[in-house]
Amino acid sequence: MTSPLPDHYRQAPFAEDCAPRRILRLFSGKWTTMILHTLHLLGGTARPGKLQRSIPDLSKKMMTQTLRDLESQGLIRRNVRQIMPPHVDYSLTELGQTFVEPVELLYHWAIRNADALDRLARHEASTSE
């Protein structure tokens, strides 16, 4: 089981630069977890076309933007192979491999609790009408 949080993390509101807020910012991108999850499923490395085909509704523009963000955050690495024509692929960094572990836990939780998520979506839709 996980250890209790240090006292300074149990206080609310959390400081702007605290670890919980920083991690939530990483999760805030719509496509972030899907790209990381897909890279994980594809063995940790994939070319952009394969990534885009693997994620329905992901536009090339959003994929490129998200990949750049993930690269700047150190979660993925862009590899350019100098062959003709050049090949680009993206792979999980060591940090990305550890980050994808809780993402996978959330995805598995979502699958196991799909009925509850459906009820939440129906409730949300009925309250917004």
Protein backbone atom coordinates (compact mmCIF):
# COMPACT_ATOMS: atom_id res chain seq x y z
CA MET A 1 0.00 0.00 0.00
CA THR A 2 1.13 3.58 -0.49
CA SER A 3 2.57 5.54 2.38
CA PRO A 4 0.64 8.52 3.76
CA LEU A 5 1.32 11.88 2.19
CA PRO A 6 3.74 14.24 3.89
CA ASP A 7 1.99 16.91 5.98
CA HIS A 8 2.75 19.68 3.50
CA TYR A 9 0.78 17.79 0.78
CA ARG A 10 -2.27 17.27 3.00
CA GLN A 11 -2.85 20.99 3.35
CA ALA A 12 -5.23 22.77 1.01
CA PRO A 13 -4.94 24.64 -1.18
CA PHE A 14 -1.87 23.08 -2.73
CA ALA A 15 0.96 25.42 -3.66
CA GLU A 16 1.11 26.24 -7.38
CA ASP A 17 4.38 24.36 -7.87
CA CYS A 18 3.59 21.28 -5.73
CA ALA A 19 3.94 17.80 -7.20
CA PRO A 20 0.18 17.02 -7.35
CA ARG A 21 -0.56 20.15 -9.40
CA ARG A 22 2.41 19.51 -11.68
CA ILE A 23 1.25 15.96 -12.41
CA LEU A 24 -2.30 17.13 -13.07
CA ARG A 25 -0.96 19.62 -15.61
CA LEU A 26 0.67 16.70 -17.42
CA PHE A 27 -2.69 14.89 -17.50
CA SER A 28 -4.59 17.97 -18.66
CA GLY A 29 -3.78 17.56 -22.36
CA LYS A 30 -6.61 15.75 -24.14
CA TRP A 31 -4.31 13.44 -26.11
CA THR A 32 -1.40 13.08 -23.66
CA THR A 33 -2.45 9.87 -21.97
CA MET A 34 -3.74 8.32 -25.19
CA ILE A 35 -0.43 8.87 -26.96
CA LEU A 36 1.55 7.51 -24.01
CA HIS A 37 -0.80 4.53 -23.69
CA THR A 38 -0.57 3.82 -27.43
CA LEU A 39 3.23 4.06 -27.42
CA HIS A 40 3.23 1.63 -24.51
CA LEU A 41 0.96 -0.81 -26.40
CA LEU A 42 3.16 -0.55 -29.48
CA GLY A 43 6.22 -1.64 -27.52
CA GLY A 44 7.41 1.82 -26.52
CA THR A 45 8.29 3.09 -30.02
CA ALA A 46 6.21 4.08 -33.04
CA ARG A 47 6.33 6.18 -36.18
CA PRO A 48 3.92 9.14 -36.35
CA GLY A 49 1.66 7.54 -38.97
CA LYS A 50 1.21 4.42 -36.86
CA LEU A 51 0.39 6.53 -33.80
CA GLN A 52 -2.17 8.57 -35.68
CA ARG A 53 -3.86 5.49 -37.18
CA SER A 54 -4.00 3.91 -33.72
CA ILE A 55 -5.87 6.81 -32.09
CA PRO A 56 -9.29 7.61 -33.61
CA ASP A 57 -10.10 11.32 -34.05
CA LEU A 58 -6.51 12.47 -33.44
CA SER A 59 -5.68 15.11 -36.05
CA LYS A 60 -2.17 15.46 -37.39
CA LYS A 61 -1.94 18.97 -35.94
CA MET A 62 -2.93 17.87 -32.42
CA MET A 63 -0.68 14.82 -32.60
CA THR A 64 2.29 16.97 -33.59
CA GLN A 65 1.58 19.52 -30.86
CA THR A 66 1.14 16.82 -28.20
CA LEU A 67 4.27 14.96 -29.29
CA ARG A 68 6.26 18.21 -29.06
CA ASP A 69 4.87 18.86 -25.58
CA LEU A 70 5.67 15.33 -24.43
CA GLU A 71 9.17 15.62 -25.85
CA SER A 72 9.79 18.95 -24.09
CA GLN A 73 8.55 17.41 -20.84
CA GLY A 74 11.02 14.55 -21.22
CA LEU A 75 8.40 11.80 -21.49
CA ILE A 76 9.16 10.81 -25.08
CA ARG A 77 12.15 11.02 -27.39
CA ARG A 78 12.07 11.93 -31.08
CA ASN A 79 14.44 9.74 -33.07
CA VAL A 80 15.43 10.69 -36.62
CA ARG A 81 17.09 7.96 -38.65
CA GLN A 82 19.23 9.44 -41.41
CA ILE A 83 18.23 7.15 -44.23
CA MET A 84 16.58 8.06 -47.51
CA PRO A 85 13.93 9.17 -46.94
CA PRO A 86 14.57 10.04 -43.27
CA HIS A 87 12.46 8.10 -40.77
CA VAL A 88 11.14 9.63 -37.55
CA ASP A 89 9.87 7.64 -34.64
CA TYR A 90 8.92 8.43 -31.08
CA SER A 91 9.78 6.36 -28.05
CA LEU A 92 9.10 6.49 -24.35
CA THR A 93 11.99 7.80 -22.28
CA GLU A 94 12.84 6.17 -18.97
CA LEU A 95 10.70 8.83 -17.29
CA GLY A 96 7.91 8.17 -19.80
CA GLN A 97 8.03 4.45 -19.06
CA THR A 98 7.52 5.11 -15.35
CA PHE A 99 4.87 7.76 -16.05
CA VAL A 100 2.85 5.39 -18.22
CA GLU A 101 2.48 2.92 -15.32
CA PRO A 102 -0.20 4.97 -13.47
CA VAL A 103 -1.77 5.84 -16.84
CA GLU A 104 -2.19 2.12 -17.48
CA LEU A 105 -3.74 1.69 -14.01
CA LEU A 106 -6.29 4.39 -14.85
CA TYR A 107 -7.08 2.83 -18.24
CA HIS A 108 -7.61 -0.59 -16.64
CA TRP A 109 -9.77 0.99 -13.92
CA ALA A 110 -11.85 2.67 -16.65
CA ILE A 111 -12.37 -0.63 -18.45
CA ARG A 112 -13.43 -2.38 -15.25
CA ASN A 113 -15.78 0.49 -14.36
CA ALA A 114 -17.20 1.29 -17.80
CA ASP A 115 -20.78 0.96 -16.52
CA ALA A 116 -20.16 3.54 -13.79
CA LEU A 117 -18.55 5.87 -16.33
CA ASP A 118 -21.60 5.46 -18.59
CA ARG A 119 -23.87 6.42 -15.67
CA LEU A 120 -21.72 9.47 -14.95
CA ALA A 121 -21.90 10.54 -18.60
CA ARG A 122 -25.70 10.13 -18.65
CA HIS A 123 -26.00 12.10 -15.41
CA GLU A 124 -23.75 14.84 -16.76
CA ALA A 125 -25.77 15.00 -19.99
CA SER A 126 -29.07 15.19 -18.11
CA THR A 127 -27.89 17.99 -15.83
CA SER A 128 -26.57 20.09 -18.72
CA GLU A 129 -29.90 20.09 -20.60
